[in-house]
Amino acid sequence: MNFWLFKSEPDAWSWDQQVARGDAGEEWTGVRNYQARNNMRAMKVGDLGFFYHSNIGKEVVGIVEVIRESAPDSTTDDPRWDCVVIRAVRPVPKPVTLDACKAEPALAQMALVTNTRLSVQPVTPREWAVVCDMGGVASGPDHSTIS
């Protein structure tokens, strides 16, 4: 299993909207950056990711699961762009801010800290564990659906 981080501006697509999609999940559309697209192409069903509110809040607020691997982005006819489908797994009890990540030495090399503009980024297993611990998900995320 691999770990990822998905950024979304909450006024465009929020954690609450993601949760409302339930088990059907939502296509992660609109990515127009080759590196972010390639990250989605590397994803497998069952991979987990952090749901990060960018611009407003700048914090990890939830955990999502990839439920469909990369396929053409339905919002464009341009064959260069793909998307995955993700579903909400659980909220992060104590949202983890960008400032908190920057202040944590174990996260100094995390893409969120070093490449803040990349909208879909990899997260190492160590970074995953540190952020989960900071967010009150100390035992690691379970795969139960949010009710």
Protein backbone atom coordinates (compact mmCIF):
# COMPACT_ATOMS: atom_id res chain seq x y z
CA MET A 1 0.00 0.00 0.00
CA ASN A 2 1.15 3.52 -0.80
CA PHE A 3 0.19 6.81 0.80
CA TRP A 4 -0.73 10.12 -0.81
CA LEU A 5 -1.97 13.62 -0.11
CA PHE A 6 -4.82 15.23 -2.06
CA LYS A 7 -5.16 19.02 -1.89
CA SER A 8 -8.44 20.80 -2.39
CA GLU A 9 -9.58 24.33 -1.78
CA PRO A 10 -12.50 23.84 0.63
CA ASP A 11 -14.62 26.44 -1.16
CA ALA A 12 -14.27 24.36 -4.36
CA TRP A 13 -14.45 20.82 -2.85
CA SER A 14 -14.46 20.30 0.90
CA TRP A 15 -14.02 17.37 3.24
CA ASP A 16 -17.73 17.58 4.08
CA GLN A 17 -18.60 17.25 0.38
CA GLN A 18 -16.24 14.28 0.08
CA VAL A 19 -17.88 12.61 3.08
CA ALA A 20 -21.33 13.24 1.59
CA ARG A 21 -20.39 11.17 -1.49
CA GLY A 22 -20.28 8.07 0.73
CA ASP A 23 -19.04 4.75 -0.59
CA ALA A 24 -19.47 5.92 -4.20
CA GLY A 25 -16.62 8.34 -3.69
CA GLU A 26 -15.74 11.12 -6.08
CA GLU A 27 -13.51 11.52 -9.11
CA TRP A 28 -10.44 13.61 -8.29
CA THR A 29 -10.74 15.71 -11.43
CA GLY A 30 -9.19 18.90 -12.69
CA VAL A 31 -5.55 18.05 -12.11
CA ARG A 32 -3.51 19.75 -14.83
CA ASN A 33 0.03 19.13 -13.66
CA TYR A 34 2.06 16.27 -15.10
CA GLN A 35 3.74 15.33 -11.82
CA ALA A 36 0.41 15.23 -9.97
CA ARG A 37 -1.14 13.26 -12.84
CA ASN A 38 1.73 10.78 -12.77
CA ASN A 39 1.22 10.36 -9.02
CA MET A 40 -2.41 9.43 -9.70
CA ARG A 41 -1.31 6.99 -12.39
CA ALA A 42 0.83 5.25 -9.77
CA MET A 43 -2.07 4.78 -7.34
CA LYS A 44 -3.66 1.41 -6.66
CA VAL A 45 -7.05 0.53 -5.22
CA GLY A 46 -6.70 0.48 -1.44
CA ASP A 47 -4.00 3.15 -1.25
CA LEU A 48 -4.74 5.76 1.41
CA GLY A 49 -4.36 9.50 1.31
CA PHE A 50 -4.68 12.58 3.41
CA PHE A 51 -7.41 15.04 2.40
CA TYR A 52 -5.84 18.48 2.75
CA HIS A 53 -7.69 21.79 2.73
CA SER A 54 -5.46 24.24 0.85
CA ASN A 55 -5.64 28.04 0.85
CA ILE A 56 -8.33 28.10 3.56
CA GLY A 57 -7.22 26.26 6.69
CA LYS A 58 -4.09 24.70 5.19
CA GLU A 59 -4.55 21.48 7.15
CA VAL A 60 -5.00 17.73 6.85
CA VAL A 61 -8.63 17.14 7.78
CA GLY A 62 -9.39 13.58 6.68
CA ILE A 63 -8.25 10.24 5.33
CA VAL A 64 -9.41 8.91 1.96
CA GLU A 65 -9.00 5.65 0.08
CA VAL A 66 -8.44 5.14 -3.63
CA ILE A 67 -11.38 3.07 -4.91
CA ARG A 68 -10.72 3.31 -8.67
CA GLU A 69 -7.37 3.55 -10.35
CA SER A 70 -6.39 6.17 -12.89
CA ALA A 71 -8.71 6.65 -15.87
CA PRO A 72 -9.43 9.54 -18.24
CA ASP A 73 -10.61 12.70 -16.48
CA SER A 74 -14.31 13.08 -17.30
CA THR A 75 -14.08 16.88 -17.15
CA THR A 76 -11.94 17.17 -20.30
CA ASP A 77 -11.58 15.69 -23.77
CA ASP A 78 -7.80 16.09 -23.52
CA PRO A 79 -6.35 12.56 -23.28
CA ARG A 80 -3.34 13.75 -21.28
CA TRP A 81 -5.34 14.12 -18.06
CA ASP A 82 -6.43 11.35 -15.74
CA CYS A 83 -8.13 11.04 -12.38
CA VAL A 84 -8.73 8.49 -9.65
CA VAL A 85 -11.83 7.99 -7.52
CA ILE A 86 -11.47 8.41 -3.76
CA ARG A 87 -13.85 7.87 -0.87
CA ALA A 88 -13.74 9.34 2.61
CA VAL A 89 -12.57 6.88 5.26
CA ARG A 90 -12.44 8.95 8.43
CA PRO A 91 -11.85 12.48 9.69
CA VAL A 92 -8.60 13.44 11.36
CA PRO A 93 -9.67 14.24 14.96
CA LYS A 94 -7.12 17.05 15.35
CA PRO A 95 -6.51 18.66 11.93
CA VAL A 96 -2.79 18.90 11.18
CA THR A 97 -1.79 22.33 9.87
CA LEU A 98 0.90 23.13 7.36
CA ASP A 99 2.67 25.16 10.05
CA ALA A 100 2.68 22.13 12.36
CA CYS A 101 4.13 19.98 9.57
CA LYS A 102 6.84 22.58 8.90
CA ALA A 103 7.70 22.65 12.62
CA GLU A 104 8.04 18.84 12.85
CA PRO A 105 11.64 17.77 12.06
CA ALA A 106 10.49 14.30 10.94
CA LEU A 107 8.49 15.98 8.15
CA ALA A 108 11.25 18.27 6.84
CA GLN A 109 11.45 16.34 3.54
CA MET A 110 7.69 15.81 3.12
CA ALA A 111 6.40 17.06 -0.24
CA LEU A 112 3.79 19.14 1.59
CA VAL A 113 6.67 21.08 3.15
CA THR A 114 9.09 21.14 0.20
CA ASN A 115 6.70 21.38 -2.78
CA THR A 116 3.66 23.20 -1.46
CA ARG A 117 2.13 23.80 -4.91
CA LEU A 118 1.82 20.14 -5.96
CA SER A 119 -1.86 19.15 -5.69
CA VAL A 120 -1.42 15.35 -5.52
CA GLN A 121 1.70 14.17 -3.76
CA PRO A 122 3.29 11.03 -2.35
CA VAL A 123 3.63 10.52 1.39
CA THR A 124 6.22 8.12 2.81
CA PRO A 125 5.14 5.50 5.38
CA ARG A 126 7.12 7.37 8.06
CA GLU A 127 5.48 10.70 7.16
CA TRP A 128 2.09 8.97 7.18
CA ALA A 129 2.71 7.64 10.70
CA VAL A 130 3.92 11.01 12.00
CA VAL A 131 0.96 12.96 10.58
CA CYS A 132 -1.50 10.33 11.84
CA ASP A 133 0.03 10.61 15.30
CA MET A 134 -0.11 14.42 15.19
CA GLY A 135 -3.76 14.23 14.13
CA GLY A 136 -4.87 11.84 16.82
CA VAL A 137 -4.97 8.78 14.58
CA ALA A 138 -2.21 7.15 16.63
CA SER A 139 -3.10 3.55 15.86
CA GLY A 140 -3.34 4.25 12.14
CA PRO A 141 -6.48 4.60 10.07
CA ASP A 142 -9.05 1.88 9.84
CA HIS A 143 -10.90 1.24 6.61
CA SER A 144 -14.42 1.66 7.92
CA THR A 145 -16.70 4.02 6.11
CA ILE A 146 -17.74 7.21 7.83
CA SER A 147 -21.36 7.05 8.84
